[in-house]
PDB file of N, CA and C in Angstrom:
ATOM      1  N   MET A   1     -78.450 -75.579  20.628  1.00  0.00           N
ATOM      2  CA  MET A   1     -77.585 -76.089  19.569  1.00  0.00           C
ATOM      3  C   MET A   1     -76.921 -77.359  20.079  1.00  0.00           C
ATOM      4  N   LYS A   2     -77.358 -78.499  19.574  1.00  0.00           N
ATOM      5  CA  LYS A   2     -76.854 -79.784  20.023  1.00  0.00           C
ATOM      6  C   LYS A   2     -76.026 -80.388  18.899  1.00  0.00           C
ATOM      7  N   LYS A   3     -74.782 -80.719  19.200  1.00  0.00           N
ATOM      8  CA  LYS A   3     -73.890 -81.217  18.166  1.00  0.00           C
ATOM      9  C   LYS A   3     -73.106 -82.422  18.687  1.00  0.00           C
ATOM     10  N   PRO A   4     -73.518 -83.658  18.323  1.00  0.00           N
ATOM     11  CA  PRO A   4     -72.737 -84.809  18.772  1.00  0.00           C
ATOM     12  C   PRO A   4     -71.391 -84.856  18.064  1.00  0.00           C
ATOM     13  N   ILE A   5     -70.337 -85.062  18.824  1.00  0.00           N
ATOM     14  CA  ILE A   5     -69.002 -85.223  18.260  1.00  0.00           C
ATOM     15  C   ILE A   5     -68.602 -86.666  18.525  1.00  0.00           C
ATOM     16  N   LYS A   6     -68.706 -87.485  17.520  1.00  0.00           N
ATOM     17  CA  LYS A   6     -68.590 -88.919  17.716  1.00  0.00           C
ATOM     18  C   LYS A   6     -67.175 -89.398  18.020  1.00  0.00           C
ATOM     19  N   ASN A   7     -66.138 -88.663  17.671  1.00  0.00           N
ATOM     20  CA  ASN A   7     -64.796 -89.189  17.855  1.00  0.00           C
ATOM     21  C   ASN A   7     -64.458 -89.414  19.325  1.00  0.00           C
ATOM     22  N   LEU A   8     -64.897 -88.560  20.244  1.00  0.00           N
ATOM     23  CA  LEU A   8     -64.611 -88.774  21.660  1.00  0.00           C
ATOM     24  C   LEU A   8     -65.386 -89.969  22.211  1.00  0.00           C
ATOM     25  N   GLY A   9     -66.614 -90.138  21.816  1.00  0.00           N
ATOM     26  CA  GLY A   9     -67.411 -91.268  22.272  1.00  0.00           C
ATOM     27  C   GLY A   9     -66.831 -92.604  21.854  1.00  0.00           C
ATOM     28  N   LYS A  10     -66.151 -92.626  20.723  1.00  0.00           N
ATOM     29  CA  LYS A  10     -65.531 -93.865  20.250  1.00  0.00           C
ATOM     30  C   LYS A  10     -64.390 -94.309  21.156  1.00  0.00           C
ATOM     31  N   LYS A  11     -63.884 -93.393  21.976  1.00  0.00           N
ATOM     32  CA  LYS A  11     -62.787 -93.734  22.882  1.00  0.00           C
ATOM     33  C   LYS A  11     -63.280 -94.375  24.180  1.00  0.00           C
ATOM     34  N   LEU A  12     -64.588 -94.391  24.402  1.00  0.00           N
ATOM     35  CA  LEU A  12     -65.139 -94.975  25.615  1.00  0.00           C
ATOM     36  C   LEU A  12     -65.511 -96.437  25.411  1.00  0.00           C
ATOM     37  N   LYS A  13     -65.369 -97.214  26.483  1.00  0.00           N
ATOM     38  CA  LYS A  13     -65.842 -98.596  26.450  1.00  0.00           C
ATOM     39  C   LYS A  13     -67.359 -98.569  26.334  1.00  0.00           C
ATOM     40  N   PRO A  14     -67.944 -99.613  25.724  1.00  0.00           N
ATOM     41  CA  PRO A  14     -69.409 -99.652  25.655  1.00  0.00           C
ATOM     42  C   PRO A  14     -69.999 -99.849  27.054  1.00  0.00           C
ATOM     43  N   CYS A  15     -71.292 -99.614  27.164  1.00  0.00           N
ATOM     44  CA  CYS A  15     -71.999 -99.771  28.427  1.00  0.00           C
ATOM     45  C   CYS A  15     -71.930-101.227  28.892  1.00  0.00           C
ATOM     46  N   PRO A  16     -71.583-101.466  30.154  1.00  0.00           N
ATOM     47  CA  PRO A  16     -71.487-102.839  30.646  1.00  0.00           C
ATOM     48  C   PRO A  16     -72.845-103.515  30.810  1.00  0.00           C
ATOM     49  N   PHE A  17     -73.933-102.753  30.800  1.00  0.00           N
ATOM     50  CA  PHE A  17     -75.257-103.327  31.003  1.00  0.00           C
ATOM     51  C   PHE A  17     -75.983-103.642  29.711  1.00  0.00           C
ATOM     52  N   CYS A  18     -75.875-102.759  28.719  1.00  0.00           N
ATOM     53  CA  CYS A  18     -76.622-102.974  27.470  1.00  0.00           C
ATOM     54  C   CYS A  18     -75.704-103.185  26.267  1.00  0.00           C
ATOM     55  N   GLY A  19     -74.432-102.835  26.395  1.00  0.00           N
ATOM     56  CA  GLY A  19     -73.483-103.035  25.297  1.00  0.00           C
ATOM     57  C   GLY A  19     -73.470-101.932  24.260  1.00  0.00           C
ATOM     58  N   ARG A  20     -74.352-100.924  24.414  1.00  0.00           N
ATOM     59  CA  ARG A  20     -74.366 -99.846  23.429  1.00  0.00           C
ATOM     60  C   ARG A  20     -73.183 -98.913  23.636  1.00  0.00           C
ATOM     61  N   LYS A  21     -72.825 -98.234  22.577  1.00  0.00           N
ATOM     62  CA  LYS A  21     -71.727 -97.264  22.625  1.00  0.00           C
ATOM     63  C   LYS A  21     -72.210 -95.970  23.255  1.00  0.00           C
ATOM     64  N   MET A  22     -71.248 -95.143  23.668  1.00  0.00           N
ATOM     65  CA  MET A  22     -71.547 -93.838  24.225  1.00  0.00           C
ATOM     66  C   MET A  22     -71.190 -92.779  23.186  1.00  0.00           C
ATOM     67  N   VAL A  23     -71.973 -91.704  23.141  1.00  0.00           N
ATOM     68  CA  VAL A  23     -71.786 -90.627  22.166  1.00  0.00           C
ATOM     69  C   VAL A  23     -71.537 -89.324  22.929  1.00  0.00           C
ATOM     70  N   PHE A  24     -70.540 -88.562  22.488  1.00  0.00           N
ATOM     71  CA  PHE A  24     -70.211 -87.276  23.086  1.00  0.00           C
ATOM     72  C   PHE A  24     -71.144 -86.203  22.558  1.00  0.00           C
ATOM     73  N   HIS A  25     -71.651 -85.375  23.465  1.00  0.00           N
ATOM     74  CA  HIS A  25     -72.509 -84.256  23.084  1.00  0.00           C
ATOM     75  C   HIS A  25     -71.948 -82.976  23.665  1.00  0.00           C
ATOM     76  N   LYS A  26     -72.052 -81.925  22.895  1.00  0.00           N
ATOM     77  CA  LYS A  26     -71.642 -80.604  23.350  1.00  0.00           C
ATOM     78  C   LYS A  26     -72.756 -79.634  22.999  1.00  0.00           C
ATOM     79  N   GLU A  27     -73.307 -78.982  24.022  1.00  0.00           N
ATOM     80  CA  GLU A  27     -74.374 -78.001  23.821  1.00  0.00           C
ATOM     81  C   GLU A  27     -73.883 -76.647  24.304  1.00  0.00           C
ATOM     82  N   ILE A  28     -74.154 -75.639  23.523  1.00  0.00           N
ATOM     83  CA  ILE A  28     -73.818 -74.275  23.912  1.00  0.00           C
ATOM     84  C   ILE A  28     -75.129 -73.502  24.010  1.00  0.00           C
ATOM     85  N   ARG A  29     -75.372 -72.947  25.195  1.00  0.00           N
ATOM     86  CA  ARG A  29     -76.616 -72.212  25.431  1.00  0.00           C
ATOM     87  C   ARG A  29     -76.289 -70.835  26.001  1.00  0.00           C
ATOM     88  N   ILE A  30     -77.237 -69.968  25.907  1.00  0.00           N
ATOM     89  CA  ILE A  30     -77.130 -68.639  26.507  1.00  0.00           C
ATOM     90  C   ILE A  30     -78.016 -68.643  27.756  1.00  0.00           C
ATOM     91  N   ASN A  31     -77.428 -68.318  28.926  1.00  0.00           N
ATOM     92  CA  ASN A  31     -78.209 -68.325  30.156  1.00  0.00           C
ATOM     93  C   ASN A  31     -79.010 -67.031  30.298  1.00  0.00           C
ATOM     94  N   LYS A  32     -79.741 -66.932  31.389  1.00  0.00           N
ATOM     95  CA  LYS A  32     -80.624 -65.768  31.569  1.00  0.00           C
ATOM     96  C   LYS A  32     -79.866 -64.466  31.751  1.00  0.00           C
ATOM     97  N   TYR A  33     -78.554 -64.547  31.985  1.00  0.00           N
ATOM     98  CA  TYR A  33     -77.725 -63.344  32.121  1.00  0.00           C
ATOM     99  C   TYR A  33     -77.024 -62.978  30.815  1.00  0.00           C
ATOM    100  N   GLY A  34     -77.338 -63.715  29.749  1.00  0.00           N
ATOM    101  CA  GLY A  34     -76.739 -63.436  28.455  1.00  0.00           C
ATOM    102  C   GLY A  34     -75.357 -64.021  28.273  1.00  0.00           C
ATOM    103  N   LYS A  35     -74.928 -64.874  29.190  1.00  0.00           N
ATOM    104  CA  LYS A  35     -73.600 -65.493  29.111  1.00  0.00           C
ATOM    105  C   LYS A  35     -73.693 -66.851  28.427  1.00  0.00           C
ATOM    106  N   GLN A  36     -72.677 -67.175  27.665  1.00  0.00           N
ATOM    107  CA  GLN A  36     -72.610 -68.465  26.985  1.00  0.00           C
ATOM    108  C   GLN A  36     -72.185 -69.550  27.975  1.00  0.00           C
ATOM    109  N   VAL A  37     -72.937 -70.647  28.005  1.00  0.00           N
ATOM    110  CA  VAL A  37     -72.652 -71.772  28.884  1.00  0.00           C
ATOM    111  C   VAL A  37     -72.511 -73.018  28.016  1.00  0.00           C
ATOM    112  N   THR A  38     -71.461 -73.791  28.256  1.00  0.00           N
ATOM    113  CA  THR A  38     -71.216 -75.008  27.483  1.00  0.00           C
ATOM    114  C   THR A  38     -71.468 -76.228  28.354  1.00  0.00           C
ATOM    115  N   TYR A  39     -72.260 -77.160  27.836  1.00  0.00           N
ATOM    116  CA  TYR A  39     -72.534 -78.430  28.504  1.00  0.00           C
ATOM    117  C   TYR A  39     -71.918 -79.534  27.657  1.00  0.00           C
ATOM    118  N   GLN A  40     -71.121 -80.389  28.284  1.00  0.00           N
ATOM    119  CA  GLN A  40     -70.511 -81.524  27.587  1.00  0.00           C
ATOM    120  C   GLN A  40     -70.802 -82.785  28.393  1.00  0.00           C
ATOM    121  N   TYR A  41     -71.219 -83.837  27.682  1.00  0.00           N
ATOM    122  CA  TYR A  41     -71.566 -85.085  28.362  1.00  0.00           C
ATOM    123  C   TYR A  41     -71.607 -86.224  27.345  1.00  0.00           C
ATOM    124  N   TYR A  42     -71.655 -87.446  27.885  1.00  0.00           N
ATOM    125  CA  TYR A  42     -71.798 -88.650  27.067  1.00  0.00           C
ATOM    126  C   TYR A  42     -73.157 -89.267  27.359  1.00  0.00           C
ATOM    127  N   LEU A  43     -73.835 -89.724  26.309  1.00  0.00           N
ATOM    128  CA  LEU A  43     -75.107 -90.433  26.395  1.00  0.00           C
ATOM    129  C   LEU A  43     -74.993 -91.741  25.638  1.00  0.00           C
ATOM    130  N   HIS A  44     -75.897 -92.686  25.953  1.00  0.00           N
ATOM    131  CA  HIS A  44     -75.986 -93.883  25.117  1.00  0.00           C
ATOM    132  C   HIS A  44     -76.279 -93.468  23.675  1.00  0.00           C
ATOM    133  N   GLU A  45     -75.781 -94.268  22.726  1.00  0.00           N
ATOM    134  CA  GLU A  45     -76.137 -93.994  21.337  1.00  0.00           C
ATOM    135  C   GLU A  45     -77.640 -94.179  21.178  1.00  0.00           C
ATOM    136  N   ASP A  46     -78.202 -93.577  20.145  1.00  0.00           N
ATOM    137  CA  ASP A  46     -79.637 -93.675  19.907  1.00  0.00           C
ATOM    138  C   ASP A  46     -80.053 -95.121  19.694  1.00  0.00           C
ATOM    139  N   TYR A  47     -81.256 -95.420  20.153  1.00  0.00           N
ATOM    140  CA  TYR A  47     -81.809 -96.745  19.930  1.00  0.00           C
ATOM    141  C   TYR A  47     -83.313 -96.623  19.758  1.00  0.00           C
ATOM    142  N   ASP A  48     -83.916 -97.631  19.185  1.00  0.00           N
ATOM    143  CA  ASP A  48     -85.347 -97.640  18.919  1.00  0.00           C
ATOM    144  C   ASP A  48     -86.069 -98.158  20.165  1.00  0.00           C
ATOM    145  N   ILE A  49     -86.788 -97.276  20.860  1.00  0.00           N
ATOM    146  CA  ILE A  49     -87.432 -97.690  22.105  1.00  0.00           C
ATOM    147  C   ILE A  49     -88.507 -98.761  21.890  1.00  0.00           C
ATOM    148  N   TYR A  50     -88.967 -98.932  20.654  1.00  0.00           N
ATOM    149  CA  TYR A  50     -89.997 -99.923  20.372  1.00  0.00           C
ATOM    150  C   TYR A  50     -89.424-101.294  20.034  1.00  0.00           C
ATOM    151  N   HIS A  51     -88.126-101.351  19.669  1.00  0.00           N
ATOM    152  CA  HIS A  51     -87.539-102.623  19.271  1.00  0.00           C
ATOM    153  C   HIS A  51     -86.324-103.027  20.098  1.00  0.00           C
ATOM    154  N   ASP A  52     -85.648-102.078  20.721  1.00  0.00           N
ATOM    155  CA  ASP A  52     -84.458-102.375  21.503  1.00  0.00           C
ATOM    156  C   ASP A  52     -84.783-102.294  22.990  1.00  0.00           C
ATOM    157  N   GLU A  53     -84.155-103.180  23.750  1.00  0.00           N
ATOM    158  CA  GLU A  53     -84.344-103.174  25.193  1.00  0.00           C
ATOM    159  C   GLU A  53     -83.662-101.948  25.794  1.00  0.00           C
ATOM    160  N   SER A  54     -84.316-101.327  26.763  1.00  0.00           N
ATOM    161  CA  SER A  54     -83.703-100.163  27.404  1.00  0.00           C
ATOM    162  C   SER A  54     -82.615-100.616  28.370  1.00  0.00           C
ATOM    163  N   CYS A  55     -81.748 -99.706  28.718  1.00  0.00           N
ATOM    164  CA  CYS A  55     -80.646 -99.994  29.627  1.00  0.00           C
ATOM    165  C   CYS A  55     -81.087 -99.719  31.061  1.00  0.00           C
ATOM    166  N   ILE A  56     -80.654-100.537  31.987  1.00  0.00           N
ATOM    167  CA  ILE A  56     -80.993-100.331  33.393  1.00  0.00           C
ATOM    168  C   ILE A  56     -80.505 -98.969  33.884  1.00  0.00           C
ATOM    169  N   LEU A  57     -79.385 -98.481  33.356  1.00  0.00           N
ATOM    170  CA  LEU A  57     -78.880 -97.177  33.766  1.00  0.00           C
ATOM    171  C   LEU A  57     -79.848 -96.062  33.383  1.00  0.00           C
ATOM    172  N   ASP A  58     -80.474 -96.183  32.199  1.00  0.00           N
ATOM    173  CA  ASP A  58     -81.457 -95.182  31.778  1.00  0.00           C
ATOM    174  C   ASP A  58     -82.727 -95.279  32.616  1.00  0.00           C
ATOM    175  N   GLU A  59     -83.051 -96.467  33.088  1.00  0.00           N
ATOM    176  CA  GLU A  59     -84.243 -96.611  33.918  1.00  0.00           C
ATOM    177  C   GLU A  59     -84.010 -96.023  35.309  1.00  0.00           C
ATOM    178  N   ILE A  60     -82.782 -96.087  35.785  1.00  0.00           N
ATOM    179  CA  ILE A  60     -82.449 -95.520  37.096  1.00  0.00           C
ATOM    180  C   ILE A  60     -82.352 -94.009  37.017  1.00  0.00           C
ATOM    181  N   ASP A  61     -81.700 -93.495  35.981  1.00  0.00           N
ATOM    182  CA  ASP A  61     -81.458 -92.060  35.838  1.00  0.00           C
ATOM    183  C   ASP A  61     -81.631 -91.686  34.378  1.00  0.00           C
ATOM    184  N   MET A  62     -82.862 -91.307  34.002  1.00  0.00           N
ATOM    185  CA  MET A  62     -83.172 -91.046  32.599  1.00  0.00           C
ATOM    186  C   MET A  62     -82.950 -89.601  32.251  1.00  0.00           C
ATOM    187  N   PRO A  63     -82.153 -89.271  31.297  1.00  0.00           N
ATOM    188  CA  PRO A  63     -81.219 -90.173  30.633  1.00  0.00           C
ATOM    189  C   PRO A  63     -79.927 -90.284  31.431  1.00  0.00           C
ATOM    190  N   PHE A  64     -79.317 -91.432  31.355  1.00  0.00           N
ATOM    191  CA  PHE A  64     -78.037 -91.638  32.019  1.00  0.00           C
ATOM    192  C   PHE A  64     -76.968 -90.854  31.259  1.00  0.00           C
ATOM    193  N   THR A  65     -76.191 -90.067  31.977  1.00  0.00           N
ATOM    194  CA  THR A  65     -75.118 -89.299  31.361  1.00  0.00           C
ATOM    195  C   THR A  65     -73.825 -89.476  32.133  1.00  0.00           C
ATOM    196  N   ILE A  66     -72.732 -89.330  31.434  1.00  0.00           N
ATOM    197  CA  ILE A  66     -71.407 -89.251  32.039  1.00  0.00           C
ATOM    198  C   ILE A  66     -70.934 -87.836  31.762  1.00  0.00           C
ATOM    199  N   GLY A  67     -70.692 -87.082  32.812  1.00  0.00           N
ATOM    200  CA  GLY A  67     -70.251 -85.702  32.649  1.00  0.00           C
ATOM    201  C   GLY A  67     -68.917 -85.620  31.933  1.00  0.00           C
ATOM    202  N   ALA A  68     -68.771 -84.641  31.068  1.00  0.00           N
ATOM    203  CA  ALA A  68     -67.538 -84.467  30.299  1.00  0.00           C
ATOM    204  C   ALA A  68     -67.133 -83.002  30.271  1.00  0.00           C
ATOM    205  N   GLY A  69     -67.334 -82.318  31.390  1.00  0.00           N
ATOM    206  CA  GLY A  69     -67.055 -80.892  31.439  1.00  0.00           C
ATOM    207  C   GLY A  69     -65.626 -80.525  31.118  1.00  0.00           C
ATOM    208  N   ASP A  70     -64.672 -81.400  31.456  1.00  0.00           N
ATOM    209  CA  ASP A  70     -63.266 -81.091  31.193  1.00  0.00           C
ATOM    210  C   ASP A  70     -62.737 -81.774  29.932  1.00  0.00           C
ATOM    211  N   ALA A  71     -63.620 -82.413  29.157  1.00  0.00           N
ATOM    212  CA  ALA A  71     -63.191 -83.038  27.902  1.00  0.00           C
ATOM    213  C   ALA A  71     -62.782 -81.957  26.906  1.00  0.00           C
ATOM    214  N   ASN A  72     -61.868 -82.314  26.009  1.00  0.00           N
ATOM    215  CA  ASN A  72     -61.402 -81.360  25.009  1.00  0.00           C
ATOM    216  C   ASN A  72     -61.386 -82.039  23.641  1.00  0.00           C
ATOM    217  N   PRO A  73     -62.400 -81.792  22.824  1.00  0.00           N
ATOM    218  CA  PRO A  73     -62.466 -82.429  21.508  1.00  0.00           C
ATOM    219  C   PRO A  73     -61.273 -82.096  20.610  1.00  0.00           C
ATOM    220  N   ASP A  74     -60.676 -80.927  20.794  1.00  0.00           N
ATOM    221  CA  ASP A  74     -59.546 -80.535  19.946  1.00  0.00           C
ATOM    222  C   ASP A  74     -58.301 -81.370  20.210  1.00  0.00           C
ATOM    223  N   THR A  75     -58.076 -81.729  21.474  1.00  0.00           N
ATOM    224  CA  THR A  75     -56.886 -82.519  21.816  1.00  0.00           C
ATOM    225  C   THR A  75     -57.184 -84.005  21.910  1.00  0.00           C
ATOM    226  N   GLY A  76     -58.478 -84.360  21.960  1.00  0.00           N
ATOM    227  CA  GLY A  76     -58.853 -85.767  22.081  1.00  0.00           C
ATOM    228  C   GLY A  76     -58.972 -86.245  23.513  1.00  0.00           C
ATOM    229  N   TYR A  77     -58.822 -85.334  24.492  1.00  0.00           N
ATOM    230  CA  TYR A  77     -58.955 -85.713  25.900  1.00  0.00           C
ATOM    231  C   TYR A  77     -60.424 -85.981  26.196  1.00  0.00           C
ATOM    232  N   ILE A  78     -60.728 -87.169  26.751  1.00  0.00           N
ATOM    233  CA  ILE A  78     -62.117 -87.582  26.953  1.00  0.00           C
ATOM    234  C   ILE A  78     -62.722 -87.104  28.268  1.00  0.00           C
ATOM    235  N   GLY A  79     -61.909 -86.622  29.197  1.00  0.00           N
ATOM    236  CA  GLY A  79     -62.421 -86.125  30.464  1.00  0.00           C
ATOM    237  C   GLY A  79     -62.185 -87.102  31.602  1.00  0.00           C
ATOM    238  N   GLU A  80     -62.185 -86.557  32.805  1.00  0.00           N
ATOM    239  CA  GLU A  80     -61.875 -87.347  34.005  1.00  0.00           C
ATOM    240  C   GLU A  80     -62.863 -88.487  34.223  1.00  0.00           C
ATOM    241  N   TYR A  81     -64.176 -88.201  34.153  1.00  0.00           N
ATOM    242  CA  TYR A  81     -65.167 -89.251  34.400  1.00  0.00           C
ATOM    243  C   TYR A  81     -65.146 -90.314  33.312  1.00  0.00           C
ATOM    244  N   ALA A  82     -64.894 -89.915  32.088  1.00  0.00           N
ATOM    245  CA  ALA A  82     -64.804 -90.891  30.996  1.00  0.00           C
ATOM    246  C   ALA A  82     -63.586 -91.791  31.185  1.00  0.00           C
ATOM    247  N   GLU A  83     -62.495 -91.230  31.679  1.00  0.00           N
ATOM    248  CA  GLU A  83     -61.323 -92.068  31.970  1.00  0.00           C
ATOM    249  C   GLU A  83     -61.647 -93.077  33.059  1.00  0.00           C
ATOM    250  N   ASP A  84     -62.387 -92.656  34.089  1.00  0.00           N
ATOM    251  CA  ASP A  84     -62.815 -93.589  35.133  1.00  0.00           C
ATOM    252  C   ASP A  84     -63.716 -94.674  34.550  1.00  0.00           C
ATOM    253  N   TRP A  85     -64.603 -94.303  33.652  1.00  0.00           N
ATOM    254  CA  TRP A  85     -65.496 -95.263  32.977  1.00  0.00           C
ATOM    255  C   TRP A  85     -64.665 -96.320  32.252  1.00  0.00           C
ATOM    256  N   ASN A  86     -63.609 -95.906  31.586  1.00  0.00           N
ATOM    257  CA  ASN A  86     -62.766 -96.842  30.837  1.00  0.00           C
ATOM    258  C   ASN A  86     -61.902 -97.719  31.742  1.00  0.00           C
ATOM    259  N   ARG A  87     -61.620 -97.271  32.949  1.00  0.00           N
ATOM    260  CA  ARG A  87     -60.778 -98.059  33.871  1.00  0.00           C
ATOM    261  C   ARG A  87     -61.553 -99.204  34.539  1.00  0.00           C
ATOM    262  N   ARG A  88     -62.855 -99.200  34.456  1.00  0.00           N
ATOM    263  CA  ARG A  88     -63.641-100.223  35.126  1.00  0.00           C
ATOM    264  C   ARG A  88     -63.344-101.601  34.552  1.00  0.00           C
ATOM    265  N   GLU A  89     -63.613-102.612  35.363  1.00  0.00           N
ATOM    266  CA  GLU A  89     -63.455-103.997  34.913  1.00  0.00           C
ATOM    267  C   GLU A  89     -64.608-104.344  33.988  1.00  0.00           C
ATOM    268  N   GLY A  90     -64.326-105.143  32.990  1.00  0.00           N
ATOM    269  CA  GLY A  90     -65.384-105.651  32.122  1.00  0.00           C
ATOM    270  C   GLY A  90     -65.638-104.922  30.881  1.00  0.00           C
TER     271      GLY A  90
END
């Protein structure tokens, strides 16, 4: 079950390499022990691989993600790594 929640991604600065925005994703899965596991992360927004240039970050680590395990969509907290992403120069 993949559900992008766009409001948190809008709080992040765009990618310094390609300029695309980042989108928040939250996935809830059931592991092999029957326990619910939640994955939260940011990815580049969708783009057309046939018409848009790929980002160097995606070429290095496909797909490039920013972990958002401690993000909270209910309060609007974007997470520790996302805050670091926003503090960067540029």
